[in-house]
Amino acid sequence: MLMAFDLIGLSLLECESLMKAMVFSGQLLHWPGQWLDTIASLQSIGSTGNKAKPIVASAMAAIGLKV
């Protein structure tokens, strides 16, 4: 899909519409205010692979982060 976008091109409006559709396609989570400094995402570990995610998630939770 990304290759098609690159080859055909997307206008700024099309790109914005796609992003909004992806963001609002599911359920939005609302975290308690006291969690705002402790929320972390596993998406930022890049292409490490799914095998490392349980280990990384456990380590992150051990230091108090919400994963």
Protein backbone atom coordinates (compact mmCIF):
# COMPACT_ATOMS: atom_id res chain seq x y z
CA MET A 1 0.00 0.00 0.00
CA LEU A 2 2.83 2.40 0.85
CA MET A 3 4.52 1.64 -2.45
CA ALA A 4 1.30 2.51 -4.29
CA PHE A 5 1.09 5.78 -2.36
CA ASP A 6 4.67 6.54 -3.34
CA LEU A 7 4.22 5.64 -7.01
CA ILE A 8 0.84 7.31 -7.47
CA GLY A 9 1.30 10.04 -4.91
CA LEU A 10 -1.02 11.38 -2.23
CA SER A 11 -2.21 14.93 -1.91
CA LEU A 12 -1.99 16.64 1.47
CA LEU A 13 -5.78 16.32 1.83
CA GLU A 14 -5.67 12.59 1.00
CA CYS A 15 -2.86 12.03 3.49
CA GLU A 16 -4.74 13.92 6.21
CA SER A 17 -7.95 11.99 5.49
CA LEU A 18 -6.10 8.66 5.68
CA MET A 19 -4.48 9.58 9.01
CA LYS A 20 -7.81 10.69 10.52
CA ALA A 21 -9.50 7.50 9.31
CA MET A 22 -6.77 5.38 10.91
CA VAL A 23 -6.77 7.30 14.20
CA PHE A 24 -10.53 7.26 14.63
CA SER A 25 -11.22 3.74 13.26
CA GLY A 26 -11.01 2.05 16.64
CA GLN A 27 -11.65 2.76 20.27
CA LEU A 28 -9.72 5.65 21.78
CA LEU A 29 -8.20 4.97 25.19
CA HIS A 30 -8.36 7.57 27.92
CA TRP A 31 -5.73 7.24 30.62
CA PRO A 32 -5.98 8.58 34.16
CA GLY A 33 -4.19 11.91 34.55
CA GLN A 34 -1.62 10.52 37.00
CA TRP A 35 -0.44 8.04 34.32
CA LEU A 36 0.55 10.67 31.74
CA ASP A 37 4.26 10.60 32.63
CA THR A 38 4.45 6.82 32.80
CA ILE A 39 2.79 5.64 29.56
CA ALA A 40 5.14 3.97 27.04
CA SER A 41 4.62 2.29 23.68
CA LEU A 42 6.36 -0.81 22.40
CA GLN A 43 6.09 0.55 18.85
CA SER A 44 9.21 2.59 19.48
CA ILE A 45 11.44 -0.49 19.77
CA GLY A 46 11.50 -0.68 15.98
CA SER A 47 12.14 -3.91 14.13
CA THR A 48 13.42 -5.81 17.14
CA GLY A 49 10.70 -8.36 16.53
CA ASN A 50 7.89 -9.90 18.52
CA LYS A 51 10.23 -12.21 20.43
CA ALA A 52 11.80 -9.28 22.28
CA LYS A 53 8.55 -7.49 23.10
CA PRO A 54 7.56 -9.67 26.11
CA ILE A 55 11.00 -9.12 27.63
CA VAL A 56 11.01 -5.38 26.94
CA ALA A 57 7.40 -5.02 28.18
CA SER A 58 8.25 -6.85 31.39
CA ALA A 59 11.29 -4.68 32.00
CA MET A 60 9.29 -1.52 31.32
CA ALA A 61 6.52 -2.61 33.68
CA ALA A 62 9.10 -3.49 36.35
CA ILE A 63 10.25 0.13 36.48
CA GLY A 64 6.69 1.42 36.75
CA LEU A 65 5.80 2.24 33.14
CA LYS A 66 2.36 1.51 31.74
CA VAL A 67 2.93 -0.41 28.52
